Amino acid sequence: MIGKMADVIIQLYSYYLQDVGSMIDCIEFSSDHGMQDRLLVSPDIYRKFFKEPYTRVFREIKKITPKAKIFLHSCGSVRALIPDFIEMGVDILNSLQPKAVGMDSFELKKEFGDEIVFHGGLDLQGGITGTKEGTISEAKKRIDAFGPGGGFIFSPSNHFMEDVSLENFYALFETARTYGRYPLENRLK
């Protein structure tokens, strides 16, 4: 069934991208494989049933849009699958939930930072929903973790929700603009 669904997804992407593929920079593919404390299925089950069909999808997308980056959104504790994601052709990984088991930002950057771009990581489970000061601290922590050497797109670990105040939203923007400006060695403290 997963293979058949991959065939349909390939047909849809082919149809939609046939005329605009050369103008596309990034293709998002969403498929959550983690929960807060573990994967939804074991790595062996993932490799047996999901890896090959998803690899086919990404390979076919790259044929149509060779310059486009593959952006994978997968919530939760997915660290054990990151090497598979990289092998499958994923260029950018989102959502990087910092409170999920095994998703420490500093460790992820150290282990995989030369192989994949990180998108997200800002803690929506308390890190940016409290005080303005706490929000700024959270933003600086993720920049310090993922930013060195490049390969980080500053963003929340999922969509902004109504519990992120406008004050905190603007504090994130300003912190990214000043503290997160490259080269990071020149940032304002």
N, C-alpha and C. Protein backbone atom coordinates (compact mmCIF):
# COMPACT_ATOMS: atom_id res chain seq x y z
N MET A 1 0.82 -1.20 0.00
CA MET A 1 0.00 0.00 0.00
C MET A 1 0.86 1.26 0.00
N ILE A 2 1.93 1.27 0.80
CA ILE A 2 2.79 2.45 0.85
C ILE A 2 3.46 2.68 -0.49
N GLY A 3 3.86 1.59 -1.14
CA GLY A 3 4.45 1.70 -2.48
C GLY A 3 3.47 2.27 -3.49
N LYS A 4 2.22 1.83 -3.42
CA LYS A 4 1.18 2.34 -4.33
C LYS A 4 0.92 3.82 -4.07
N MET A 5 0.90 4.19 -2.79
CA MET A 5 0.71 5.61 -2.45
C MET A 5 1.88 6.44 -2.99
N ALA A 6 3.10 5.91 -2.90
CA ALA A 6 4.26 6.60 -3.44
C ALA A 6 4.10 6.81 -4.94
N ASP A 7 3.57 5.80 -5.64
CA ASP A 7 3.34 5.95 -7.08
C ASP A 7 2.38 7.10 -7.38
N VAL A 8 1.32 7.21 -6.59
CA VAL A 8 0.35 8.30 -6.77
C VAL A 8 1.01 9.64 -6.46
N ILE A 9 1.79 9.70 -5.39
CA ILE A 9 2.47 10.94 -5.03
C ILE A 9 3.43 11.36 -6.14
N ILE A 10 4.14 10.41 -6.72
CA ILE A 10 5.05 10.71 -7.83
C ILE A 10 4.26 11.28 -9.01
N GLN A 11 3.11 10.69 -9.31
CA GLN A 11 2.28 11.19 -10.42
C GLN A 11 1.82 12.62 -10.14
N LEU A 12 1.40 12.88 -8.91
CA LEU A 12 0.95 14.23 -8.55
C LEU A 12 2.08 15.25 -8.66
N TYR A 13 3.23 14.92 -8.07
CA TYR A 13 4.37 15.84 -8.17
C TYR A 13 4.76 16.05 -9.63
N SER A 14 4.76 14.99 -10.43
CA SER A 14 5.13 15.11 -11.84
C SER A 14 4.18 16.05 -12.56
N TYR A 15 2.90 15.90 -12.30
CA TYR A 15 1.90 16.75 -12.93
C TYR A 15 2.08 18.21 -12.53
N TYR A 16 2.20 18.46 -11.24
CA TYR A 16 2.31 19.83 -10.75
C TYR A 16 3.63 20.51 -11.12
N LEU A 17 4.69 19.73 -11.21
CA LEU A 17 6.01 20.32 -11.43
C LEU A 17 6.43 20.37 -12.89
N GLN A 18 5.71 19.71 -13.77
CA GLN A 18 6.15 19.61 -15.16
C GLN A 18 6.40 20.97 -15.80
N ASP A 19 5.60 21.97 -15.51
CA ASP A 19 5.76 23.28 -16.14
C ASP A 19 6.54 24.28 -15.29
N VAL A 20 6.65 24.02 -14.01
CA VAL A 20 7.30 25.01 -13.13
C VAL A 20 8.54 24.48 -12.42
N GLY A 21 8.88 23.22 -12.65
CA GLY A 21 9.98 22.58 -11.93
C GLY A 21 11.28 23.34 -11.95
N SER A 22 11.60 23.98 -13.07
CA SER A 22 12.86 24.71 -13.17
C SER A 22 12.89 25.96 -12.30
N MET A 23 11.72 26.40 -11.84
CA MET A 23 11.64 27.60 -11.01
C MET A 23 11.52 27.30 -9.52
N ILE A 24 11.46 26.05 -9.14
CA ILE A 24 11.24 25.64 -7.76
C ILE A 24 12.57 25.44 -7.04
N ASP A 25 12.69 26.02 -5.85
CA ASP A 25 13.91 25.89 -5.05
C ASP A 25 13.81 24.78 -4.00
N CYS A 26 12.58 24.51 -3.56
CA CYS A 26 12.41 23.60 -2.42
C CYS A 26 11.07 22.89 -2.54
N ILE A 27 11.07 21.59 -2.26
CA ILE A 27 9.85 20.80 -2.26
C ILE A 27 9.66 20.23 -0.87
N GLU A 28 8.52 20.52 -0.23
CA GLU A 28 8.26 19.99 1.11
C GLU A 28 7.51 18.68 1.02
N PHE A 29 7.94 17.76 1.86
CA PHE A 29 7.29 16.45 2.00
C PHE A 29 7.07 16.25 3.49
N SER A 30 5.83 16.08 3.90
CA SER A 30 5.52 15.91 5.32
C SER A 30 5.11 14.48 5.61
N SER A 31 5.76 13.90 6.60
CA SER A 31 5.42 12.55 7.00
C SER A 31 5.96 12.33 8.41
N ASP A 32 5.12 12.52 9.39
CA ASP A 32 5.55 12.39 10.79
C ASP A 32 5.86 10.94 11.13
N HIS A 33 7.04 10.74 11.70
CA HIS A 33 7.46 9.40 12.08
C HIS A 33 7.83 9.29 13.55
N GLY A 34 7.68 10.36 14.31
CA GLY A 34 8.06 10.32 15.70
C GLY A 34 6.98 10.82 16.63
N MET A 35 7.08 10.34 17.86
CA MET A 35 6.29 10.86 18.96
C MET A 35 7.26 11.59 19.89
N GLN A 36 6.78 12.06 20.99
CA GLN A 36 7.64 12.80 21.92
C GLN A 36 8.77 11.93 22.48
N ASP A 37 8.50 10.65 22.68
CA ASP A 37 9.48 9.80 23.37
C ASP A 37 10.03 8.65 22.53
N ARG A 38 9.57 8.49 21.28
CA ARG A 38 10.04 7.38 20.46
C ARG A 38 9.51 7.54 19.03
N LEU A 39 9.98 6.63 18.18
CA LEU A 39 9.47 6.57 16.81
C LEU A 39 8.08 5.95 16.79
N LEU A 40 7.32 6.22 15.74
CA LEU A 40 6.02 5.58 15.57
C LEU A 40 6.17 4.11 15.21
N VAL A 41 7.22 3.80 14.44
CA VAL A 41 7.55 2.41 14.11
C VAL A 41 9.05 2.24 14.31
N SER A 42 9.50 1.02 14.48
CA SER A 42 10.92 0.78 14.70
C SER A 42 11.72 1.15 13.45
N PRO A 43 13.02 1.44 13.61
CA PRO A 43 13.84 1.71 12.43
C PRO A 43 13.80 0.57 11.40
N ASP A 44 13.77 -0.66 11.88
CA ASP A 44 13.70 -1.79 10.94
C ASP A 44 12.41 -1.78 10.12
N ILE A 45 11.30 -1.51 10.78
CA ILE A 45 10.01 -1.43 10.07
C ILE A 45 10.03 -0.25 9.09
N TYR A 46 10.57 0.89 9.54
CA TYR A 46 10.67 2.06 8.65
C TYR A 46 11.46 1.69 7.39
N ARG A 47 12.61 1.06 7.60
CA ARG A 47 13.47 0.70 6.46
C ARG A 47 12.81 -0.32 5.55
N LYS A 48 12.05 -1.22 6.12
CA LYS A 48 11.40 -2.27 5.32
C LYS A 48 10.24 -1.72 4.48
N PHE A 49 9.45 -0.79 5.05
CA PHE A 49 8.22 -0.38 4.38
C PHE A 49 8.23 1.04 3.81
N PHE A 50 8.97 1.97 4.42
CA PHE A 50 8.88 3.37 4.02
C PHE A 50 10.07 3.87 3.20
N LYS A 51 11.24 3.40 3.51
CA LYS A 51 12.45 4.01 2.95
C LYS A 51 12.50 3.94 1.43
N GLU A 52 12.27 2.80 0.85
CA GLU A 52 12.36 2.67 -0.61
C GLU A 52 11.29 3.49 -1.32
N PRO A 53 10.02 3.45 -0.91
CA PRO A 53 9.03 4.27 -1.60
C PRO A 53 9.32 5.77 -1.50
N TYR A 54 9.74 6.23 -0.32
CA TYR A 54 10.06 7.65 -0.17
C TYR A 54 11.29 8.01 -1.00
N THR A 55 12.26 7.13 -1.06
CA THR A 55 13.45 7.37 -1.88
C THR A 55 13.04 7.54 -3.34
N ARG A 56 12.13 6.71 -3.81
CA ARG A 56 11.63 6.83 -5.18
C ARG A 56 10.97 8.18 -5.41
N VAL A 57 10.15 8.61 -4.45
CA VAL A 57 9.48 9.91 -4.57
C VAL A 57 10.52 11.02 -4.71
N PHE A 58 11.50 11.02 -3.81
CA PHE A 58 12.50 12.08 -3.83
C PHE A 58 13.34 12.03 -5.11
N ARG A 59 13.69 10.84 -5.56
CA ARG A 59 14.48 10.68 -6.79
C ARG A 59 13.70 11.22 -8.00
N GLU A 60 12.42 10.92 -8.08
CA GLU A 60 11.61 11.39 -9.20
C GLU A 60 11.43 12.91 -9.15
N ILE A 61 11.26 13.46 -7.96
CA ILE A 61 11.16 14.92 -7.83
C ILE A 61 12.45 15.56 -8.35
N LYS A 62 13.58 14.99 -7.96
CA LYS A 62 14.88 15.54 -8.38
C LYS A 62 15.06 15.45 -9.90
N LYS A 63 14.47 14.46 -10.54
CA LYS A 63 14.55 14.38 -12.00
C LYS A 63 13.85 15.57 -12.65
N ILE A 64 12.72 15.97 -12.07
CA ILE A 64 11.93 17.06 -12.63
C ILE A 64 12.48 18.42 -12.20
N THR A 65 12.94 18.49 -10.97
CA THR A 65 13.43 19.75 -10.40
C THR A 65 14.84 19.52 -9.84
N PRO A 66 15.83 19.37 -10.70
CA PRO A 66 17.16 18.97 -10.23
C PRO A 66 17.82 19.93 -9.25
N LYS A 67 17.43 21.20 -9.29
CA LYS A 67 18.04 22.17 -8.37
C LYS A 67 17.30 22.27 -7.04
N ALA A 68 16.10 21.73 -6.99
CA ALA A 68 15.27 21.87 -5.78
C ALA A 68 15.82 21.02 -4.64
N LYS A 69 15.69 21.55 -3.45
CA LYS A 69 16.06 20.85 -2.23
C LYS A 69 14.84 20.10 -1.71
N ILE A 70 15.06 18.91 -1.19
CA ILE A 70 13.99 18.12 -0.57
C ILE A 70 13.92 18.49 0.90
N PHE A 71 12.78 19.00 1.30
CA PHE A 71 12.51 19.47 2.66
C PHE A 71 11.57 18.45 3.30
N LEU A 72 12.03 17.78 4.35
CA LEU A 72 11.20 16.79 5.03
C LEU A 72 10.77 17.30 6.39
N HIS A 73 9.46 17.33 6.60
CA HIS A 73 8.91 17.62 7.92
C HIS A 73 8.56 16.30 8.58
N SER A 74 9.16 16.06 9.74
CA SER A 74 8.82 14.88 10.52
C SER A 74 8.95 15.23 12.00
N CYS A 75 7.84 15.28 12.68
CA CYS A 75 7.83 15.64 14.10
C CYS A 75 8.40 14.53 14.97
N GLY A 76 8.75 14.92 16.19
CA GLY A 76 9.05 13.97 17.24
C GLY A 76 10.47 13.48 17.29
N SER A 77 10.62 12.36 17.95
CA SER A 77 11.91 11.75 18.24
C SER A 77 12.35 10.90 17.05
N VAL A 78 12.98 11.54 16.06
CA VAL A 78 13.34 10.85 14.81
C VAL A 78 14.85 10.71 14.60
N ARG A 79 15.62 10.96 15.63
CA ARG A 79 17.08 10.92 15.49
C ARG A 79 17.58 9.63 14.84
N ALA A 80 17.03 8.49 15.21
CA ALA A 80 17.48 7.21 14.67
C ALA A 80 17.27 7.10 13.16
N LEU A 81 16.37 7.92 12.61
CA LEU A 81 16.09 7.86 11.17
C LEU A 81 16.85 8.91 10.36
N ILE A 82 17.52 9.83 11.02
CA ILE A 82 18.19 10.90 10.28
C ILE A 82 19.20 10.35 9.27
N PRO A 83 20.02 9.35 9.61
CA PRO A 83 20.91 8.81 8.57
C PRO A 83 20.14 8.26 7.36
N ASP A 84 18.98 7.66 7.61
CA ASP A 84 18.15 7.18 6.51
C ASP A 84 17.62 8.34 5.68
N PHE A 85 17.16 9.39 6.35
CA PHE A 85 16.66 10.56 5.62
C PHE A 85 17.75 11.10 4.69
N ILE A 86 18.97 11.19 5.19
CA ILE A 86 20.08 11.69 4.40
C ILE A 86 20.33 10.78 3.20
N GLU A 87 20.36 9.48 3.43
CA GLU A 87 20.56 8.51 2.34
C GLU A 87 19.44 8.61 1.30
N MET A 88 18.24 8.92 1.73
CA MET A 88 17.09 8.98 0.84
C MET A 88 17.11 10.23 -0.04
N GLY A 89 17.96 11.20 0.31
CA GLY A 89 18.03 12.42 -0.49
C GLY A 89 17.43 13.64 0.15
N VAL A 90 17.10 13.56 1.43
CA VAL A 90 16.56 14.73 2.13
C VAL A 90 17.70 15.74 2.32
N ASP A 91 17.42 16.99 1.94
CA ASP A 91 18.40 18.06 2.07
C ASP A 91 18.17 18.91 3.32
N ILE A 92 16.89 19.07 3.69
CA ILE A 92 16.51 19.95 4.80
C ILE A 92 15.57 19.17 5.72
N LEU A 93 15.88 19.17 7.03
CA LEU A 93 15.04 18.46 7.99
C LEU A 93 14.36 19.43 8.94
N ASN A 94 13.07 19.26 9.10
CA ASN A 94 12.23 20.04 9.99
C ASN A 94 11.42 19.00 10.77
N SER A 95 11.15 19.01 12.02
CA SER A 95 10.85 20.15 12.85
C SER A 95 11.81 20.29 14.03
N LEU A 96 12.56 19.25 14.33
CA LEU A 96 13.62 19.34 15.35
C LEU A 96 13.08 19.73 16.72
N GLN A 97 12.11 19.00 17.21
CA GLN A 97 11.51 19.30 18.51
C GLN A 97 12.53 19.07 19.63
N PRO A 98 13.00 20.13 20.27
CA PRO A 98 14.09 19.98 21.22
C PRO A 98 13.75 19.20 22.48
N LYS A 99 12.47 19.07 22.82
CA LYS A 99 12.09 18.32 24.01
C LYS A 99 11.78 16.86 23.71
N ALA A 100 11.80 16.48 22.45
CA ALA A 100 11.60 15.07 22.10
C ALA A 100 12.88 14.30 22.43
N VAL A 101 12.73 13.06 22.81
CA VAL A 101 13.86 12.22 23.20
C VAL A 101 14.87 12.13 22.06
N GLY A 102 16.14 12.38 22.38
CA GLY A 102 17.22 12.25 21.42
C GLY A 102 17.37 13.40 20.45
N MET A 103 16.62 14.48 20.64
CA MET A 103 16.64 15.57 19.67
C MET A 103 17.38 16.80 20.20
N ASP A 104 18.41 16.60 21.00
CA ASP A 104 19.21 17.70 21.50
C ASP A 104 19.84 18.46 20.33
N SER A 105 19.62 19.74 20.27
CA SER A 105 20.06 20.55 19.14
C SER A 105 21.57 20.52 18.93
N PHE A 106 22.33 20.64 20.01
CA PHE A 106 23.78 20.65 19.90
C PHE A 106 24.30 19.30 19.39
N GLU A 107 23.72 18.21 19.88
CA GLU A 107 24.14 16.87 19.44
C GLU A 107 23.78 16.62 17.98
N LEU A 108 22.59 17.05 17.57
CA LEU A 108 22.19 16.87 16.18
C LEU A 108 23.13 17.60 15.23
N LYS A 109 23.47 18.83 15.58
CA LYS A 109 24.38 19.61 14.74
C LYS A 109 25.75 18.93 14.66
N LYS A 110 26.25 18.47 15.80
CA LYS A 110 27.56 17.82 15.83
C LYS A 110 27.56 16.55 14.98
N GLU A 111 26.49 15.77 15.08
CA GLU A 111 26.45 14.48 14.40
C GLU A 111 26.10 14.58 12.92
N PHE A 112 25.19 15.48 12.56
CA PHE A 112 24.67 15.51 11.19
C PHE A 112 24.83 16.85 10.48
N GLY A 113 25.40 17.82 11.14
CA GLY A 113 25.45 19.19 10.61
C GLY A 113 26.18 19.36 9.30
N ASP A 114 27.05 18.44 8.95
CA ASP A 114 27.76 18.54 7.67
C ASP A 114 27.00 17.86 6.54
N GLU A 115 25.89 17.19 6.87
CA GLU A 115 25.18 16.39 5.86
C GLU A 115 23.78 16.87 5.54
N ILE A 116 23.22 17.71 6.40
CA ILE A 116 21.82 18.11 6.21
C ILE A 116 21.62 19.51 6.78
N VAL A 117 20.68 20.25 6.21
CA VAL A 117 20.32 21.57 6.71
C VAL A 117 19.22 21.39 7.75
N PHE A 118 19.34 22.11 8.84
CA PHE A 118 18.33 22.05 9.90
C PHE A 118 17.39 23.24 9.78
N HIS A 119 16.10 22.97 9.84
CA HIS A 119 15.06 23.99 9.76
C HIS A 119 14.16 23.82 10.97
N GLY A 120 14.12 24.82 11.82
CA GLY A 120 13.25 24.75 12.99
C GLY A 120 14.04 24.69 14.28
N GLY A 121 13.50 23.96 15.22
CA GLY A 121 14.18 23.76 16.49
C GLY A 121 13.73 24.65 17.62
N LEU A 122 13.10 25.78 17.32
CA LEU A 122 12.64 26.64 18.41
C LEU A 122 11.54 25.93 19.18
N ASP A 123 11.69 25.86 20.47
CA ASP A 123 10.80 25.09 21.33
C ASP A 123 9.43 25.74 21.47
N LEU A 124 8.42 25.10 20.89
CA LEU A 124 7.04 25.56 21.01
C LEU A 124 6.35 25.01 22.25
N GLN A 125 7.04 24.14 22.99
CA GLN A 125 6.45 23.54 24.18
C GLN A 125 6.94 24.27 25.43
N GLY A 126 7.00 25.57 25.35
CA GLY A 126 7.39 26.37 26.49
C GLY A 126 8.48 27.38 26.21
N GLY A 127 9.37 27.09 25.28
CA GLY A 127 10.52 27.95 25.03
C GLY A 127 10.19 29.33 24.50
N ILE A 128 9.17 29.43 23.65
CA ILE A 128 8.82 30.74 23.09
C ILE A 128 7.40 31.16 23.44
N THR A 129 6.80 30.47 24.38
CA THR A 129 5.42 30.79 24.76
C THR A 129 5.34 31.49 26.11
N GLY A 130 6.47 31.69 26.76
CA GLY A 130 6.48 32.32 28.08
C GLY A 130 6.83 33.79 27.99
N THR A 131 7.86 34.17 28.74
CA THR A 131 8.27 35.57 28.80
C THR A 131 9.08 35.96 27.57
N LYS A 132 9.18 37.25 27.35
CA LYS A 132 10.00 37.77 26.26
C LYS A 132 11.46 37.38 26.49
N GLU A 133 11.93 37.47 27.72
CA GLU A 133 13.32 37.12 28.04
C GLU A 133 13.59 35.64 27.77
N GLY A 134 12.64 34.79 28.16
CA GLY A 134 12.77 33.37 27.89
C GLY A 134 12.78 33.06 26.40
N THR A 135 11.99 33.80 25.66
CA THR A 135 11.93 33.64 24.21
C THR A 135 13.27 34.01 23.58
N ILE A 136 13.83 35.11 24.00
CA ILE A 136 15.14 35.54 23.48
C ILE A 136 16.20 34.50 23.83
N SER A 137 16.17 34.01 25.05
CA SER A 137 17.13 32.98 25.47
C SER A 137 16.99 31.72 24.61
N GLU A 138 15.75 31.30 24.35
CA GLU A 138 15.49 30.13 23.51
C GLU A 138 16.04 30.36 22.10
N ALA A 139 15.79 31.52 21.54
CA ALA A 139 16.28 31.83 20.19
C ALA A 139 17.80 31.77 20.14
N LYS A 140 18.45 32.36 21.11
CA LYS A 140 19.93 32.35 21.14
C LYS A 140 20.47 30.94 21.31
N LYS A 141 19.78 30.13 22.11
CA LYS A 141 20.23 28.75 22.32
C LYS A 141 20.20 27.97 21.01
N ARG A 142 19.13 28.10 20.23
CA ARG A 142 19.03 27.36 18.97
C ARG A 142 20.03 27.89 17.94
N ILE A 143 20.26 29.20 17.92
CA ILE A 143 21.28 29.76 17.02
C ILE A 143 22.66 29.25 17.41
N ASP A 144 22.94 29.23 18.71
CA ASP A 144 24.23 28.71 19.19
C ASP A 144 24.40 27.24 18.83
N ALA A 145 23.31 26.48 18.86
CA ALA A 145 23.38 25.05 18.58
C ALA A 145 23.51 24.76 17.09
N PHE A 146 22.60 25.28 16.31
CA PHE A 146 22.52 24.92 14.90
C PHE A 146 23.27 25.86 13.96
N GLY A 147 23.53 27.07 14.39
CA GLY A 147 24.07 28.08 13.49
C GLY A 147 25.51 27.97 13.06
N PRO A 148 26.44 27.58 13.93
CA PRO A 148 27.85 27.59 13.54
C PRO A 148 28.12 26.78 12.27
N GLY A 149 28.85 27.42 11.36
CA GLY A 149 29.20 26.75 10.11
C GLY A 149 28.11 26.79 9.06
N GLY A 150 26.98 27.39 9.35
CA GLY A 150 25.87 27.46 8.40
C GLY A 150 24.98 26.23 8.48
N GLY A 151 24.04 26.15 7.56
CA GLY A 151 23.15 25.00 7.52
C GLY A 151 22.02 25.05 8.52
N PHE A 152 21.58 26.29 8.87
CA PHE A 152 20.46 26.42 9.81
C PHE A 152 19.49 27.46 9.28
N ILE A 153 18.21 27.09 9.23
CA ILE A 153 17.14 28.02 8.90
C ILE A 153 16.34 28.23 10.17
N PHE A 154 16.42 29.43 10.72
CA PHE A 154 15.79 29.80 11.98
C PHE A 154 14.28 29.74 11.84
N SER A 155 13.66 28.93 12.69
CA SER A 155 12.22 28.73 12.59
C SER A 155 11.73 27.97 13.82
N PRO A 156 10.44 28.06 14.12
CA PRO A 156 9.92 27.24 15.22
C PRO A 156 9.91 25.76 14.85
N SER A 157 9.77 24.91 15.84
CA SER A 157 9.75 23.47 15.60
C SER A 157 8.45 23.00 14.96
N ASN A 158 7.52 23.88 14.77
CA ASN A 158 6.30 23.62 14.01
C ASN A 158 5.70 24.98 13.73
N HIS A 159 4.43 25.06 13.46
CA HIS A 159 3.80 26.34 13.14
C HIS A 159 3.62 27.17 14.40
N PHE A 160 3.73 28.49 14.23
CA PHE A 160 3.39 29.37 15.35
C PHE A 160 1.92 29.19 15.69
N MET A 161 1.65 29.13 16.98
CA MET A 161 0.27 28.99 17.43
C MET A 161 -0.12 30.25 18.20
N GLU A 162 -1.39 30.30 18.61
CA GLU A 162 -1.89 31.50 19.28
C GLU A 162 -1.26 31.73 20.65
N ASP A 163 -0.56 30.73 21.20
CA ASP A 163 0.08 30.92 22.51
C ASP A 163 1.45 31.59 22.41
N VAL A 164 1.89 31.94 21.20
CA VAL A 164 3.10 32.75 21.02
C VAL A 164 2.63 34.19 20.86
N SER A 165 2.92 35.00 21.86
CA SER A 165 2.45 36.39 21.84
C SER A 165 3.15 37.17 20.72
N LEU A 166 2.52 38.25 20.30
CA LEU A 166 3.14 39.12 19.30
C LEU A 166 4.48 39.67 19.82
N GLU A 167 4.54 39.98 21.11
CA GLU A 167 5.79 40.46 21.69
C GLU A 167 6.90 39.42 21.51
N ASN A 168 6.58 38.17 21.77
CA ASN A 168 7.57 37.10 21.61
C ASN A 168 7.90 36.87 20.13
N PHE A 169 6.91 36.95 19.28
CA PHE A 169 7.14 36.79 17.85
C PHE A 169 8.14 37.83 17.35
N TYR A 170 7.92 39.07 17.71
CA TYR A 170 8.83 40.14 17.28
C TYR A 170 10.19 40.03 17.95
N ALA A 171 10.23 39.55 19.18
CA ALA A 171 11.51 39.32 19.86
C ALA A 171 12.32 38.25 19.13
N LEU A 172 11.64 37.20 18.65
CA LEU A 172 12.32 36.16 17.86
C LEU A 172 12.90 36.76 16.59
N PHE A 173 12.10 37.54 15.90
CA PHE A 173 12.56 38.16 14.66
C PHE A 173 13.79 39.02 14.91
N GLU A 174 13.72 39.86 15.90
CA GLU A 174 14.83 40.77 16.18
C GLU A 174 16.07 40.01 16.64
N THR A 175 15.89 38.97 17.44
CA THR A 175 17.04 38.16 17.89
C THR A 175 17.69 37.48 16.70
N ALA A 176 16.89 36.92 15.81
CA ALA A 176 17.45 36.27 14.62
C ALA A 176 18.19 37.28 13.75
N ARG A 177 17.62 38.47 13.63
CA ARG A 177 18.21 39.51 12.78
C ARG A 177 19.54 40.02 13.32
N THR A 178 19.68 40.07 14.62
CA THR A 178 20.90 40.61 15.21
C THR A 178 21.84 39.50 15.68
N TYR A 179 21.39 38.67 16.58
CA TYR A 179 22.24 37.62 17.16
C TYR A 179 22.55 36.53 16.15
N GLY A 180 21.64 36.29 15.23
CA GLY A 180 21.81 35.19 14.28
C GLY A 180 22.38 35.59 12.94
N ARG A 181 22.87 36.80 12.81
CA ARG A 181 23.42 37.26 11.54
C ARG A 181 24.80 36.66 11.31
N TYR A 182 25.00 36.15 10.09
CA TYR A 182 26.30 35.58 9.73
C TYR A 182 27.27 36.68 9.32
N PRO A 183 28.55 36.53 9.59
CA PRO A 183 29.15 35.41 10.32
C PRO A 183 28.82 35.53 11.81
N LEU A 184 28.53 34.39 12.43
CA LEU A 184 28.09 34.37 13.81
C LEU A 184 29.15 34.91 14.77
N GLU A 185 30.40 34.85 14.40
CA GLU A 185 31.46 35.35 15.27
C GLU A 185 31.33 36.85 15.51
N ASN A 186 30.60 37.56 14.65
CA ASN A 186 30.44 39.00 14.78
C ASN A 186 29.12 39.41 15.43
N ARG A 187 28.39 38.44 15.95
CA ARG A 187 27.05 38.75 16.45
C ARG A 187 27.08 39.64 17.68
N LEU A 188 25.97 40.36 17.84
CA LEU A 188 25.78 41.22 19.01
C LEU A 188 25.35 40.34 20.17
N LYS A 189 25.91 40.56 21.31
CA LYS A 189 25.55 39.74 22.49
C LYS A 189 24.65 40.53 23.40
